[in-house]
Amino acid sequence: MADAKIEIKVGAVSFSGEGDGKWLSEQLDKVIEKLPQLANVAPVEPESSGRTGGDAHAHQGKKNVGTLASFLTAKNAKTNKTRKFLATAVWLHDVTGANRLATGDVKKALGQHNQGAVGNASQCLVQNNKQGFTAKDGKQFYVTPEGRAEID
């Protein structure tokens, strides 16, 4: 019979174990050592920011799209700042299910996921608007079907 049990959760990462106390302590140390790496892989938890609206063009629902880094690489959006901004917005729409975003949301996601800045995020949004890939809605914006098609 197990003489020790543990269950911890840090963000989206959880660990539970049962067994000999010494063995369990060793396993926990391994998990704690890997937490910084696991935190970068774990999906972003959606914020309840009230950004969801009822736009027919907006993408609905959350998808498991992987990490932002892998998404940007797969969509060839690592070097062109305007495309990187658009791809990050698509990723955020998919991960959070939010219908509306602000430029700050894109900047924050890039920073949190160690993907580098896009420079002037507002200018990237303007460029995407000119191409019809995004559309402004007050102080926020959404990715249009044309923008999604550009990234997909």
N, C-alpha and C. Protein backbone atom coordinates (compact mmCIF):
# COMPACT_ATOMS: atom_id res chain seq x y z
N MET A 1 0.83 -1.18 0.00
CA MET A 1 0.00 0.00 0.00
C MET A 1 0.88 1.24 0.00
N ALA A 2 0.43 2.27 -0.71
CA ALA A 2 1.19 3.51 -0.81
C ALA A 2 1.22 4.24 0.53
N ASP A 3 2.37 4.80 0.83
CA ASP A 3 2.46 5.55 2.08
C ASP A 3 2.46 7.05 1.86
N ALA A 4 2.42 7.49 0.57
CA ALA A 4 2.38 8.92 0.28
C ALA A 4 1.56 9.17 -0.97
N LYS A 5 0.86 10.28 -0.96
CA LYS A 5 0.08 10.72 -2.12
C LYS A 5 0.34 12.20 -2.30
N ILE A 6 0.34 12.63 -3.57
CA ILE A 6 0.49 14.05 -3.86
C ILE A 6 -0.26 14.38 -5.13
N GLU A 7 -0.80 15.57 -5.17
CA GLU A 7 -1.45 16.09 -6.37
C GLU A 7 -1.23 17.59 -6.39
N ILE A 8 -0.61 18.07 -7.48
CA ILE A 8 -0.40 19.51 -7.61
C ILE A 8 -0.85 19.94 -8.99
N LYS A 9 -1.18 21.20 -9.10
CA LYS A 9 -1.55 21.78 -10.39
C LYS A 9 -0.95 23.17 -10.45
N VAL A 10 -0.20 23.44 -11.51
CA VAL A 10 0.38 24.75 -11.76
C VAL A 10 -0.07 25.16 -13.15
N GLY A 11 -0.99 26.12 -13.23
CA GLY A 11 -1.54 26.50 -14.52
C GLY A 11 -2.29 25.33 -15.12
N ALA A 12 -1.92 24.98 -16.35
CA ALA A 12 -2.58 23.87 -17.04
C ALA A 12 -1.85 22.55 -16.83
N VAL A 13 -0.76 22.57 -16.07
CA VAL A 13 0.03 21.36 -15.83
C VAL A 13 -0.34 20.79 -14.47
N SER A 14 -0.61 19.48 -14.43
CA SER A 14 -0.92 18.84 -13.15
C SER A 14 -0.10 17.57 -13.01
N PHE A 15 0.12 17.18 -11.77
CA PHE A 15 0.86 15.96 -11.45
C PHE A 15 0.21 15.33 -10.23
N SER A 16 -0.02 14.04 -10.32
CA SER A 16 -0.50 13.32 -9.14
C SER A 16 0.24 12.00 -9.08
N GLY A 17 0.52 11.58 -7.88
CA GLY A 17 1.25 10.34 -7.70
C GLY A 17 0.94 9.71 -6.36
N GLU A 18 1.23 8.42 -6.29
CA GLU A 18 0.98 7.65 -5.07
C GLU A 18 2.06 6.58 -5.00
N GLY A 19 2.67 6.42 -3.84
CA GLY A 19 3.69 5.40 -3.69
C GLY A 19 4.60 5.69 -2.52
N ASP A 20 5.77 5.07 -2.56
CA ASP A 20 6.77 5.27 -1.53
C ASP A 20 7.15 6.75 -1.48
N GLY A 21 7.27 7.30 -0.30
CA GLY A 21 7.55 8.72 -0.12
C GLY A 21 8.81 9.18 -0.81
N LYS A 22 9.89 8.39 -0.70
CA LYS A 22 11.17 8.77 -1.33
C LYS A 22 11.03 8.77 -2.85
N TRP A 23 10.43 7.73 -3.41
CA TRP A 23 10.24 7.65 -4.86
C TRP A 23 9.36 8.79 -5.34
N LEU A 24 8.29 9.06 -4.62
CA LEU A 24 7.36 10.12 -5.01
C LEU A 24 8.06 11.48 -4.99
N SER A 25 8.89 11.70 -4.00
CA SER A 25 9.65 12.95 -3.91
C SER A 25 10.57 13.12 -5.12
N GLU A 26 11.20 12.04 -5.55
CA GLU A 26 12.08 12.08 -6.72
C GLU A 26 11.29 12.42 -7.99
N GLN A 27 10.11 11.83 -8.13
CA GLN A 27 9.28 12.09 -9.30
C GLN A 27 8.80 13.54 -9.32
N LEU A 28 8.42 14.05 -8.15
CA LEU A 28 7.97 15.43 -8.04
C LEU A 28 9.10 16.39 -8.41
N ASP A 29 10.31 16.08 -7.96
CA ASP A 29 11.46 16.92 -8.31
C ASP A 29 11.66 16.98 -9.82
N LYS A 30 11.46 15.85 -10.51
CA LYS A 30 11.59 15.82 -11.97
C LYS A 30 10.53 16.70 -12.63
N VAL A 31 9.31 16.64 -12.13
CA VAL A 31 8.22 17.45 -12.69
C VAL A 31 8.52 18.93 -12.47
N ILE A 32 8.92 19.28 -11.26
CA ILE A 32 9.21 20.69 -10.95
C ILE A 32 10.35 21.21 -11.82
N GLU A 33 11.33 20.38 -12.09
CA GLU A 33 12.45 20.77 -12.94
C GLU A 33 11.99 21.09 -14.36
N LYS A 34 10.97 20.40 -14.83
CA LYS A 34 10.47 20.57 -16.21
C LYS A 34 9.35 21.60 -16.32
N LEU A 35 8.88 22.15 -15.23
CA LEU A 35 7.74 23.09 -15.27
C LEU A 35 7.94 24.26 -16.22
N PRO A 36 9.12 24.92 -16.27
CA PRO A 36 9.26 26.03 -17.22
C PRO A 36 9.02 25.60 -18.66
N GLN A 37 9.51 24.43 -19.04
CA GLN A 37 9.29 23.93 -20.40
C GLN A 37 7.83 23.56 -20.61
N LEU A 38 7.23 22.91 -19.64
CA LEU A 38 5.83 22.50 -19.76
C LEU A 38 4.90 23.70 -19.83
N ALA A 39 5.24 24.77 -19.14
CA ALA A 39 4.40 25.97 -19.16
C ALA A 39 4.35 26.56 -20.56
N ASN A 40 5.43 26.45 -21.34
CA ASN A 40 5.44 26.97 -22.70
C ASN A 40 4.63 26.11 -23.65
N VAL A 41 4.43 24.84 -23.32
CA VAL A 41 3.71 23.92 -24.18
C VAL A 41 2.21 23.91 -23.86
N ALA A 42 1.89 24.19 -22.62
CA ALA A 42 0.49 24.11 -22.19
C ALA A 42 -0.36 25.13 -22.93
N PRO A 43 -1.61 24.77 -23.26
CA PRO A 43 -2.49 25.71 -23.95
C PRO A 43 -2.83 26.90 -23.06
N VAL A 44 -3.10 28.02 -23.71
CA VAL A 44 -3.46 29.23 -23.00
C VAL A 44 -4.86 29.08 -22.43
N GLU A 45 -5.00 29.43 -21.16
CA GLU A 45 -6.31 29.41 -20.53
C GLU A 45 -7.08 30.63 -20.99
N PRO A 46 -8.32 30.50 -21.44
CA PRO A 46 -9.07 31.66 -21.91
C PRO A 46 -9.37 32.62 -20.76
N GLU A 47 -9.29 33.92 -21.08
CA GLU A 47 -9.64 34.93 -20.10
C GLU A 47 -11.11 35.27 -20.24
N SER A 48 -11.75 35.56 -19.15
CA SER A 48 -13.14 35.99 -19.23
C SER A 48 -13.15 37.50 -19.32
N SER A 49 -12.78 38.01 -20.51
CA SER A 49 -12.62 39.44 -20.70
C SER A 49 -13.84 40.09 -21.32
N GLY A 50 -14.86 39.31 -21.62
CA GLY A 50 -16.06 39.89 -22.21
C GLY A 50 -15.87 40.30 -23.65
N ARG A 51 -14.89 39.73 -24.34
CA ARG A 51 -14.62 40.12 -25.71
C ARG A 51 -15.44 39.35 -26.71
N THR A 52 -16.20 38.41 -26.27
CA THR A 52 -16.99 37.64 -27.23
C THR A 52 -18.24 38.40 -27.60
N GLY A 53 -18.50 38.41 -28.87
CA GLY A 53 -19.67 39.10 -29.40
C GLY A 53 -20.36 38.19 -30.39
N GLY A 54 -21.36 38.69 -31.08
CA GLY A 54 -22.11 37.84 -31.99
C GLY A 54 -21.87 38.20 -33.43
N ASP A 55 -20.64 38.20 -33.92
CA ASP A 55 -20.33 38.55 -35.29
C ASP A 55 -20.38 37.31 -36.17
N ALA A 56 -21.04 37.40 -37.30
CA ALA A 56 -21.18 36.25 -38.19
C ALA A 56 -19.86 35.87 -38.84
N HIS A 57 -18.93 36.84 -38.96
CA HIS A 57 -17.65 36.55 -39.60
C HIS A 57 -16.63 35.98 -38.63
N ALA A 58 -16.86 36.11 -37.36
CA ALA A 58 -15.88 35.67 -36.36
C ALA A 58 -15.89 34.16 -36.23
N HIS A 59 -14.73 33.63 -35.89
CA HIS A 59 -14.58 32.18 -35.70
C HIS A 59 -15.11 31.82 -34.31
N GLN A 60 -15.94 30.83 -34.22
CA GLN A 60 -16.54 30.44 -32.95
C GLN A 60 -15.85 29.21 -32.39
N GLY A 61 -15.76 29.14 -31.07
CA GLY A 61 -15.29 27.94 -30.40
C GLY A 61 -13.78 27.88 -30.28
N LYS A 62 -13.33 27.02 -29.37
CA LYS A 62 -11.91 26.84 -29.13
C LYS A 62 -11.42 25.62 -29.88
N LYS A 63 -10.19 25.70 -30.36
CA LYS A 63 -9.55 24.58 -31.05
C LYS A 63 -8.25 24.27 -30.35
N ASN A 64 -7.81 23.05 -30.46
CA ASN A 64 -6.49 22.69 -29.98
C ASN A 64 -5.53 22.88 -31.15
N VAL A 65 -4.86 24.03 -31.18
CA VAL A 65 -4.00 24.36 -32.31
C VAL A 65 -2.52 24.28 -31.96
N GLY A 66 -2.19 23.78 -30.79
CA GLY A 66 -0.79 23.66 -30.39
C GLY A 66 -0.24 24.98 -29.88
N THR A 67 1.07 25.04 -29.80
CA THR A 67 1.71 26.23 -29.27
C THR A 67 1.73 27.33 -30.32
N LEU A 68 1.88 28.55 -29.85
CA LEU A 68 1.99 29.68 -30.78
C LEU A 68 3.23 29.52 -31.65
N ALA A 69 4.34 29.09 -31.07
CA ALA A 69 5.57 28.92 -31.84
C ALA A 69 5.38 27.94 -32.99
N SER A 70 4.77 26.79 -32.72
CA SER A 70 4.57 25.80 -33.78
C SER A 70 3.57 26.30 -34.81
N PHE A 71 2.57 27.05 -34.37
CA PHE A 71 1.57 27.60 -35.29
C PHE A 71 2.23 28.60 -36.24
N LEU A 72 3.04 29.51 -35.70
CA LEU A 72 3.71 30.51 -36.54
C LEU A 72 4.66 29.84 -37.54
N THR A 73 5.35 28.81 -37.10
CA THR A 73 6.25 28.10 -38.00
C THR A 73 5.46 27.41 -39.11
N ALA A 74 4.39 26.72 -38.74
CA ALA A 74 3.58 26.00 -39.73
C ALA A 74 2.94 26.94 -40.74
N LYS A 75 2.63 28.15 -40.32
CA LYS A 75 1.96 29.12 -41.20
C LYS A 75 2.95 30.08 -41.88
N ASN A 76 4.25 29.78 -41.77
CA ASN A 76 5.30 30.60 -42.37
C ASN A 76 5.14 32.06 -41.97
N ALA A 77 5.01 32.29 -40.66
CA ALA A 77 4.73 33.63 -40.17
C ALA A 77 5.74 34.06 -39.10
N LYS A 78 6.98 33.65 -39.24
CA LYS A 78 7.99 34.00 -38.23
C LYS A 78 8.72 35.30 -38.56
N THR A 79 8.87 35.63 -39.84
CA THR A 79 9.71 36.77 -40.21
C THR A 79 8.94 38.01 -40.64
N ASN A 80 7.89 37.87 -41.40
CA ASN A 80 7.10 39.02 -41.85
C ASN A 80 6.20 39.47 -40.70
N LYS A 81 6.43 40.68 -40.22
CA LYS A 81 5.74 41.15 -39.01
C LYS A 81 4.23 41.27 -39.20
N THR A 82 3.78 41.71 -40.38
CA THR A 82 2.35 41.84 -40.63
C THR A 82 1.67 40.47 -40.65
N ARG A 83 2.34 39.50 -41.27
CA ARG A 83 1.80 38.13 -41.31
C ARG A 83 1.86 37.50 -39.92
N LYS A 84 2.91 37.77 -39.17
CA LYS A 84 3.05 37.26 -37.81
C LYS A 84 1.92 37.78 -36.93
N PHE A 85 1.59 39.07 -37.07
CA PHE A 85 0.49 39.67 -36.33
C PHE A 85 -0.82 38.95 -36.68
N LEU A 86 -1.08 38.78 -37.98
CA LEU A 86 -2.31 38.13 -38.44
C LEU A 86 -2.39 36.69 -37.95
N ALA A 87 -1.30 35.95 -38.08
CA ALA A 87 -1.30 34.54 -37.65
C ALA A 87 -1.53 34.44 -36.14
N THR A 88 -0.93 35.33 -35.39
CA THR A 88 -1.13 35.32 -33.93
C THR A 88 -2.58 35.62 -33.60
N ALA A 89 -3.20 36.54 -34.32
CA ALA A 89 -4.62 36.85 -34.10
C ALA A 89 -5.49 35.63 -34.42
N VAL A 90 -5.20 34.93 -35.50
CA VAL A 90 -5.94 33.71 -35.84
C VAL A 90 -5.78 32.69 -34.73
N TRP A 91 -4.54 32.50 -34.27
CA TRP A 91 -4.26 31.55 -33.18
C TRP A 91 -5.04 31.93 -31.92
N LEU A 92 -5.05 33.21 -31.58
CA LEU A 92 -5.80 33.65 -30.40
C LEU A 92 -7.29 33.39 -30.55
N HIS A 93 -7.84 33.69 -31.73
CA HIS A 93 -9.26 33.40 -31.98
C HIS A 93 -9.54 31.92 -31.73
N ASP A 94 -8.66 31.06 -32.25
CA ASP A 94 -8.87 29.61 -32.14
C ASP A 94 -8.69 29.10 -30.71
N VAL A 95 -7.68 29.61 -30.01
CA VAL A 95 -7.38 29.13 -28.67
C VAL A 95 -8.39 29.62 -27.65
N THR A 96 -8.75 30.90 -27.73
CA THR A 96 -9.63 31.47 -26.70
C THR A 96 -11.10 31.44 -27.09
N GLY A 97 -11.39 31.37 -28.38
CA GLY A 97 -12.77 31.44 -28.83
C GLY A 97 -13.30 32.87 -28.83
N ALA A 98 -12.43 33.85 -28.55
CA ALA A 98 -12.86 35.25 -28.52
C ALA A 98 -13.19 35.74 -29.92
N ASN A 99 -14.25 36.52 -30.03
CA ASN A 99 -14.63 37.08 -31.32
C ASN A 99 -13.92 38.38 -31.62
N ARG A 100 -13.49 39.08 -30.61
CA ARG A 100 -12.83 40.37 -30.79
C ARG A 100 -11.52 40.38 -30.01
N LEU A 101 -10.52 41.02 -30.59
CA LEU A 101 -9.21 41.16 -29.97
C LEU A 101 -8.79 42.62 -30.02
N ALA A 102 -7.80 42.95 -29.22
CA ALA A 102 -7.15 44.26 -29.27
C ALA A 102 -5.71 44.03 -29.66
N THR A 103 -5.05 45.05 -30.18
CA THR A 103 -3.65 44.89 -30.57
C THR A 103 -2.81 44.44 -29.37
N GLY A 104 -3.18 44.90 -28.18
CA GLY A 104 -2.46 44.51 -26.98
C GLY A 104 -2.54 43.01 -26.71
N ASP A 105 -3.65 42.37 -27.11
CA ASP A 105 -3.78 40.92 -26.93
C ASP A 105 -2.73 40.18 -27.76
N VAL A 106 -2.52 40.66 -28.98
CA VAL A 106 -1.53 40.04 -29.87
C VAL A 106 -0.13 40.24 -29.31
N LYS A 107 0.18 41.47 -28.91
CA LYS A 107 1.50 41.76 -28.33
C LYS A 107 1.74 40.92 -27.09
N LYS A 108 0.73 40.80 -26.23
CA LYS A 108 0.86 40.03 -24.99
C LYS A 108 1.11 38.55 -25.29
N ALA A 109 0.37 37.99 -26.25
CA ALA A 109 0.54 36.58 -26.61
C ALA A 109 1.94 36.32 -27.15
N LEU A 110 2.42 37.20 -28.00
CA LEU A 110 3.77 37.03 -28.55
C LEU A 110 4.81 37.08 -27.44
N GLY A 111 4.65 38.01 -26.52
CA GLY A 111 5.59 38.13 -25.41
C GLY A 111 5.53 36.95 -24.47
N GLN A 112 4.33 36.52 -24.11
CA GLN A 112 4.17 35.40 -23.18
C GLN A 112 4.72 34.10 -23.74
N HIS A 113 4.71 33.98 -25.06
CA HIS A 113 5.16 32.74 -25.69
C HIS A 113 6.54 32.88 -26.33
N ASN A 114 7.26 33.94 -25.93
CA ASN A 114 8.65 34.14 -26.36
C ASN A 114 8.82 34.13 -27.87
N GLN A 115 7.92 34.81 -28.57
CA GLN A 115 7.98 34.82 -30.03
C GLN A 115 8.44 36.15 -30.62
N GLY A 116 8.93 37.04 -29.80
CA GLY A 116 9.43 38.32 -30.29
C GLY A 116 8.31 39.26 -30.64
N ALA A 117 8.63 40.52 -30.68
CA ALA A 117 7.64 41.56 -30.95
C ALA A 117 7.43 41.73 -32.45
N VAL A 118 6.37 42.41 -32.81
CA VAL A 118 6.09 42.73 -34.20
C VAL A 118 6.40 44.20 -34.49
N GLY A 119 7.06 44.87 -33.57
CA GLY A 119 7.33 46.29 -33.75
C GLY A 119 6.08 47.07 -33.42
N ASN A 120 5.60 47.84 -34.36
CA ASN A 120 4.39 48.65 -34.17
C ASN A 120 3.16 47.80 -34.49
N ALA A 121 2.54 47.26 -33.46
CA ALA A 121 1.39 46.36 -33.65
C ALA A 121 0.23 47.09 -34.32
N SER A 122 0.04 48.35 -33.99
CA SER A 122 -1.05 49.12 -34.61
C SER A 122 -0.84 49.24 -36.11
N GLN A 123 0.41 49.44 -36.53
CA GLN A 123 0.70 49.52 -37.96
C GLN A 123 0.46 48.17 -38.64
N CYS A 124 0.78 47.08 -37.97
CA CYS A 124 0.50 45.75 -38.52
C CYS A 124 -1.00 45.56 -38.73
N LEU A 125 -1.79 46.04 -37.75
CA LEU A 125 -3.24 45.94 -37.88
C LEU A 125 -3.73 46.77 -39.07
N VAL A 126 -3.21 47.98 -39.22
CA VAL A 126 -3.59 48.84 -40.35
C VAL A 126 -3.29 48.14 -41.67
N GLN A 127 -2.11 47.54 -41.79
CA GLN A 127 -1.74 46.83 -43.02
C GLN A 127 -2.68 45.65 -43.28
N ASN A 128 -3.03 44.91 -42.25
CA ASN A 128 -3.96 43.80 -42.42
C ASN A 128 -5.36 44.30 -42.77
N ASN A 129 -5.76 45.42 -42.20
CA ASN A 129 -7.06 46.02 -42.56
C ASN A 129 -7.08 46.40 -44.04
N LYS A 130 -6.01 47.03 -44.52
CA LYS A 130 -5.93 47.46 -45.92
C LYS A 130 -6.07 46.28 -46.88
N GLN A 131 -5.54 45.13 -46.48
CA GLN A 131 -5.61 43.94 -47.32
C GLN A 131 -6.92 43.16 -47.14
N GLY A 132 -7.75 43.62 -46.20
CA GLY A 132 -9.02 42.94 -45.95
C GLY A 132 -8.90 41.71 -45.08
N PHE A 133 -7.77 41.54 -44.42
CA PHE A 133 -7.55 40.36 -43.59
C PHE A 133 -8.11 40.51 -42.18
N THR A 134 -8.25 41.75 -41.73
CA THR A 134 -8.86 42.04 -40.44
C THR A 134 -9.84 43.18 -40.63
N ALA A 135 -10.72 43.34 -39.66
CA ALA A 135 -11.69 44.45 -39.70
C ALA A 135 -11.79 45.05 -38.31
N LYS A 136 -11.78 46.36 -38.25
CA LYS A 136 -11.89 47.06 -36.97
C LYS A 136 -13.33 47.03 -36.50
N ASP A 137 -13.50 46.99 -35.19
CA ASP A 137 -14.82 47.06 -34.57
C ASP A 137 -14.63 47.88 -33.30
N GLY A 138 -14.76 49.18 -33.42
CA GLY A 138 -14.49 50.07 -32.30
C GLY A 138 -13.01 50.04 -31.99
N LYS A 139 -12.66 49.76 -30.75
CA LYS A 139 -11.25 49.70 -30.35
C LYS A 139 -10.68 48.29 -30.52
N GLN A 140 -11.48 47.38 -31.03
CA GLN A 140 -11.04 46.00 -31.21
C GLN A 140 -11.11 45.64 -32.69
N PHE A 141 -10.72 44.41 -33.00
CA PHE A 141 -10.76 43.93 -34.38
C PHE A 141 -11.04 42.43 -34.39
N TYR A 142 -11.32 41.92 -35.58
CA TYR A 142 -11.48 40.48 -35.77
C TYR A 142 -10.84 40.09 -37.10
N VAL A 143 -10.51 38.83 -37.23
CA VAL A 143 -9.93 38.30 -38.46
C VAL A 143 -11.09 37.96 -39.40
N THR A 144 -11.01 38.45 -40.63
CA THR A 144 -12.05 38.18 -41.63
C THR A 144 -11.83 36.78 -42.22
N PRO A 145 -12.82 36.26 -42.93
CA PRO A 145 -12.62 34.99 -43.63
C PRO A 145 -11.45 35.03 -44.61
N GLU A 146 -11.23 36.19 -45.22
CA GLU A 146 -10.09 36.34 -46.14
C GLU A 146 -8.76 36.26 -45.38
N GLY A 147 -8.74 36.81 -44.18
CA GLY A 147 -7.54 36.74 -43.35
C GLY A 147 -7.25 35.32 -42.91
N ARG A 148 -8.31 34.61 -42.55
CA ARG A 148 -8.16 33.21 -42.15
C ARG A 148 -7.67 32.37 -43.32
N ALA A 149 -8.21 32.64 -44.50
CA ALA A 149 -7.80 31.91 -45.70
C ALA A 149 -6.32 32.20 -46.03
N GLU A 150 -5.90 33.42 -45.80
CA GLU A 150 -4.49 33.80 -46.04
C GLU A 150 -3.55 32.99 -45.14
N ILE A 151 -3.97 32.75 -43.90
CA ILE A 151 -3.13 32.02 -42.95
C ILE A 151 -3.29 30.51 -43.13
N ASP A 152 -4.50 30.05 -43.41
CA ASP A 152 -4.71 28.61 -43.59
C ASP A 152 -4.07 28.18 -44.88
